[in-house]
Amino acid sequence: MIEAYLHGFFGGPALWQPLFIHADGLEGGPKGERLALRLPFHGGPQAANFDQSCRQLWQDPILSQAAKPVHLVGYSLGARLALAMACQEPTAVGALTLIGVNPGLQDRAARMQRLNADARWAELLSQRDVASFAARWDAQPIFAHRAALSAQQRRLLNAERLGHDPLALKEALRVLGVGAMADLWPNWPIWPFPCISSLAARTLNFCAWRQRSARSCRMGCCR
């Protein structure tokens, strides 16, 4: 089964390479084709809303020609897009791996809070200084683990980030943020394929999402 990888916000396809190298070492070599997709507003096509962004990913020149079903693997924003893609085309998905996923916000106040927070980040990007934005972004407690990155890992991360268009990233926050997407919790337990969900961030919100996903998930594994 072909594996299609979707990176997170402010990332890029190259950031999956260390994982691929590690996996090949464990497996003794690749067992299937891997596709590392470039997300909308990160060098990929741009869309008017979250749902259209998912449709555009399905229309990627390589993914659209790939044998179905595929295994979608996503991190953070990529996980949310993969989740929505599976809701759009469930028969085209054979497995789903979601890393750090938030399936959506039901509470109106929480949705407005997130929209306002993303608007503040977008305002920083209006200054067109990607390096300064990266420093502020990484200062969030959720990314404290990045302090342990090696020099090589840091170079790879920065190489992807500094090539981004700040105004495109600004649009990504507006179009692809958690506050801009539909609530996908109702879709969580109904798929006919394995779903692995890993919510690793050590925050109260992620702990609550983890407990909820564990209660909801009837197939696969929620961690």
Protein backbone atom coordinates (compact mmCIF):
# COMPACT_ATOMS: atom_id res chain seq x y z
CA MET A 1 0.00 0.00 0.00
CA ILE A 2 1.36 3.41 -0.97
CA GLU A 3 2.00 5.75 1.96
CA ALA A 4 1.29 9.48 1.53
CA TYR A 5 2.84 11.80 4.13
CA LEU A 6 1.47 15.24 5.01
CA HIS A 7 3.72 17.60 6.97
CA GLY A 8 2.70 20.16 9.58
CA PHE A 9 2.24 23.92 9.43
CA PHE A 10 5.45 25.78 8.58
CA GLY A 11 7.08 22.51 7.51
CA GLY A 12 7.74 20.72 4.25
CA PRO A 13 8.17 17.30 2.60
CA ALA A 14 11.92 17.10 3.32
CA LEU A 15 11.24 16.95 7.05
CA TRP A 16 10.00 13.37 6.63
CA GLN A 17 13.38 12.19 5.31
CA PRO A 18 14.94 11.34 8.73
CA LEU A 19 11.88 9.21 9.49
CA PHE A 20 12.16 7.42 6.14
CA ILE A 21 15.86 6.71 6.70
CA HIS A 22 15.18 5.40 10.19
CA ALA A 23 12.27 3.24 9.02
CA ASP A 24 14.33 1.77 6.18
CA GLY A 25 17.02 0.80 8.68
CA LEU A 26 14.47 -0.99 10.86
CA GLU A 27 12.75 -2.73 7.98
CA GLY A 28 15.85 -3.62 6.01
CA GLY A 29 14.71 -1.52 3.08
CA PRO A 30 11.55 0.10 1.75
CA LYS A 31 8.53 -2.16 1.35
CA GLY A 32 6.31 0.25 -0.52
CA GLU A 33 6.20 3.56 -2.28
CA ARG A 34 6.20 6.72 -0.17
CA LEU A 35 4.89 10.11 -1.25
CA ALA A 36 5.76 13.24 0.74
CA LEU A 37 3.16 15.80 -0.30
CA ARG A 38 3.58 19.57 -0.17
CA LEU A 39 0.61 21.18 1.56
CA PRO A 40 -1.49 24.09 0.31
CA PHE A 41 0.10 27.49 1.07
CA HIS A 42 3.44 25.72 1.64
CA GLY A 43 4.44 25.67 -2.00
CA GLY A 44 1.41 23.65 -3.02
CA PRO A 45 -1.83 24.93 -4.59
CA GLN A 46 -3.90 27.44 -2.64
CA ALA A 47 -7.60 27.07 -1.96
CA ALA A 48 -10.46 29.15 -0.63
CA ASN A 49 -11.24 26.93 2.35
CA PHE A 50 -10.25 23.82 4.29
CA ASP A 51 -12.44 21.38 2.35
CA GLN A 52 -11.16 22.62 -1.01
CA SER A 53 -7.59 22.24 0.25
CA CYS A 54 -8.29 18.56 0.92
CA ARG A 55 -9.79 18.15 -2.55
CA GLN A 56 -6.66 19.69 -4.05
CA LEU A 57 -4.48 17.23 -2.16
CA TRP A 58 -6.47 14.33 -3.62
CA GLN A 59 -5.84 15.91 -7.04
CA ASP A 60 -2.06 16.03 -6.52
CA PRO A 61 -0.50 14.82 -9.80
CA ILE A 62 1.19 11.85 -8.13
CA LEU A 63 -1.39 10.95 -5.49
CA SER A 64 -4.26 11.12 -7.98
CA GLN A 65 -2.53 8.48 -10.12
CA ALA A 66 -1.50 6.26 -7.21
CA ALA A 67 -3.15 2.90 -6.69
CA LYS A 68 -5.92 3.06 -4.10
CA PRO A 69 -6.44 2.60 -1.26
CA VAL A 70 -3.52 4.54 0.25
CA HIS A 71 -2.17 4.91 3.76
CA LEU A 72 -2.40 8.58 4.80
CA VAL A 73 0.12 9.71 7.43
CA GLY A 74 -0.15 13.23 8.80
CA TYR A 75 1.45 15.38 11.47
CA SER A 76 -0.47 18.23 13.16
CA LEU A 77 -1.96 20.28 10.31
CA GLY A 78 -1.15 17.38 7.99
CA ALA A 79 -3.02 15.04 10.35
CA ARG A 80 -6.10 17.26 10.27
CA LEU A 81 -5.98 17.38 6.48
CA ALA A 82 -5.51 13.60 6.29
CA LEU A 83 -8.49 13.13 8.60
CA ALA A 84 -10.67 15.35 6.44
CA MET A 85 -9.40 13.65 3.27
CA ALA A 86 -10.47 10.30 4.71
CA CYS A 87 -13.91 11.74 5.42
CA GLN A 88 -14.17 12.96 1.82
CA GLU A 89 -12.93 9.76 0.15
CA PRO A 90 -13.16 6.87 2.62
CA THR A 91 -12.89 4.19 -0.08
CA ALA A 92 -9.57 5.67 -1.24
CA VAL A 93 -8.01 5.20 2.22
CA GLY A 94 -6.73 1.87 3.50
CA ALA A 95 -5.14 3.12 6.72
CA LEU A 96 -4.81 6.37 8.62
CA THR A 97 -2.00 7.48 10.95
CA LEU A 98 -2.62 10.80 12.69
CA ILE A 99 0.17 12.37 14.76
CA GLY A 100 -0.81 15.25 17.03
CA VAL A 101 -4.28 15.55 15.50
CA ASN A 102 -7.09 17.82 16.65
CA PRO A 103 -10.33 16.63 15.01
CA GLY A 104 -12.02 20.00 15.47
CA LEU A 105 -13.71 22.33 17.91
CA GLN A 106 -17.36 22.03 18.91
CA ASP A 107 -17.42 24.85 21.43
CA ARG A 108 -18.07 28.28 19.83
CA ALA A 109 -15.98 30.12 22.42
CA ALA A 110 -13.02 27.79 21.86
CA ARG A 111 -13.36 28.23 18.09
CA MET A 112 -13.34 32.04 18.38
CA GLN A 113 -10.38 31.90 20.75
CA ARG A 114 -8.42 29.86 18.22
CA LEU A 115 -9.39 32.12 15.32
CA ASN A 116 -8.21 35.15 17.30
CA ALA A 117 -4.94 33.44 18.22
CA ASP A 118 -4.27 32.51 14.60
CA ALA A 119 -5.05 36.08 13.55
CA ARG A 120 -2.35 37.33 15.92
CA TRP A 121 0.19 34.92 14.42
CA ALA A 122 -0.91 36.00 10.94
CA GLU A 123 -0.24 39.62 11.85
CA LEU A 124 3.36 38.71 12.66
CA LEU A 125 3.69 37.20 9.20
CA SER A 126 2.48 40.46 7.69
CA GLN A 127 5.89 41.84 8.60
CA ARG A 128 7.39 39.34 6.09
CA ASP A 129 10.15 38.27 8.47
CA VAL A 130 10.03 34.46 8.44
CA ALA A 131 13.09 34.07 10.70
CA SER A 132 11.57 36.23 13.45
CA PHE A 133 8.26 34.40 13.12
CA ALA A 134 10.07 31.05 13.45
CA ALA A 135 11.75 32.18 16.68
CA ARG A 136 8.42 33.26 18.19
CA TRP A 137 6.67 30.11 16.95
CA ASP A 138 9.27 27.79 18.48
CA ALA A 139 9.10 29.65 21.81
CA GLN A 140 5.67 28.10 22.45
CA PRO A 141 5.77 25.48 25.23
CA ILE A 142 4.32 22.84 22.90
CA PHE A 143 7.58 22.95 20.91
CA ALA A 144 9.99 22.83 23.86
CA HIS A 145 11.30 19.46 22.62
CA ARG A 146 12.87 21.19 19.61
CA ALA A 147 15.62 22.51 21.87
CA ALA A 148 17.07 19.00 21.72
CA LEU A 149 17.37 18.96 17.91
CA SER A 150 20.82 18.25 16.55
CA ALA A 151 22.61 20.83 14.41
CA GLN A 152 21.84 18.77 11.31
CA GLN A 153 18.16 18.50 12.22
CA ARG A 154 18.01 22.23 12.87
CA ARG A 155 19.56 22.97 9.46
CA LEU A 156 17.00 20.74 7.75
CA LEU A 157 14.14 22.43 9.60
CA ASN A 158 15.37 25.94 8.82
CA ALA A 159 16.02 25.12 5.17
CA GLU A 160 12.36 24.21 4.70
CA ARG A 161 11.01 27.09 6.75
CA LEU A 162 13.04 29.97 5.40
CA GLY A 163 11.97 29.12 1.86
CA HIS A 164 8.30 29.79 2.62
CA ASP A 165 6.38 32.82 1.45
CA PRO A 166 5.26 34.62 4.66
CA LEU A 167 2.05 35.87 3.05
CA ALA A 168 1.17 32.33 1.95
CA LEU A 169 1.73 31.14 5.52
CA LYS A 170 -0.54 33.94 6.68
CA GLU A 171 -3.27 32.58 4.41
CA ALA A 172 -2.60 29.06 5.70
CA LEU A 173 -3.41 30.23 9.22
CA ARG A 174 -6.66 31.77 7.99
CA VAL A 175 -7.79 28.90 5.75
CA LEU A 176 -6.31 25.81 7.42
CA GLY A 177 -6.38 26.65 11.13
CA VAL A 178 -8.31 24.54 13.63
CA GLY A 179 -10.86 27.33 13.96
CA ALA A 180 -11.50 27.31 10.21
CA MET A 181 -12.19 23.59 9.82
CA ALA A 182 -15.37 21.63 10.47
CA ASP A 183 -15.77 19.53 13.60
CA LEU A 184 -14.77 16.02 12.52
CA TRP A 185 -15.34 14.26 15.84
CA PRO A 186 -18.62 12.69 14.62
CA ASN A 187 -16.64 10.89 11.88
CA TRP A 188 -14.05 9.46 14.27
CA PRO A 189 -15.39 5.95 14.96
CA ILE A 190 -17.04 4.98 11.69
CA TRP A 191 -14.26 4.16 9.21
CA PRO A 192 -13.85 0.64 7.80
CA PHE A 193 -10.03 0.84 7.99
CA PRO A 194 -7.38 0.96 10.76
CA CYS A 195 -6.84 4.35 12.36
CA ILE A 196 -3.87 5.10 14.61
CA SER A 197 -4.06 8.40 16.48
CA SER A 198 -1.15 9.68 18.52
CA LEU A 199 -1.65 12.88 20.50
CA ALA A 200 1.76 13.43 22.00
CA ALA A 201 1.72 17.07 23.08
CA ARG A 202 1.75 17.43 26.86
CA THR A 203 -0.99 19.97 27.33
CA LEU A 204 -4.34 19.75 29.08
CA ASN A 205 -6.23 20.18 25.81
CA PHE A 206 -4.37 17.35 24.12
CA CYS A 207 -4.91 15.11 27.14
CA ALA A 208 -8.65 15.78 26.91
CA TRP A 209 -8.64 15.03 23.15
CA ARG A 210 -6.71 11.84 23.82
CA GLN A 211 -9.30 10.63 26.35
CA ARG A 212 -12.13 11.49 23.99
CA SER A 213 -10.54 9.75 21.02
CA ALA A 214 -9.91 6.64 23.10
CA ARG A 215 -13.59 6.52 24.02
CA SER A 216 -14.73 7.14 20.43
CA CYS A 217 -12.36 4.96 18.42
CA ARG A 218 -13.83 1.52 17.71
CA MET A 219 -11.26 0.46 15.14
CA GLY A 220 -7.51 0.73 15.10
CA CYS A 221 -5.61 2.22 18.00
CA CYS A 222 -5.77 5.61 19.75
CA ARG A 223 -2.69 6.54 21.77
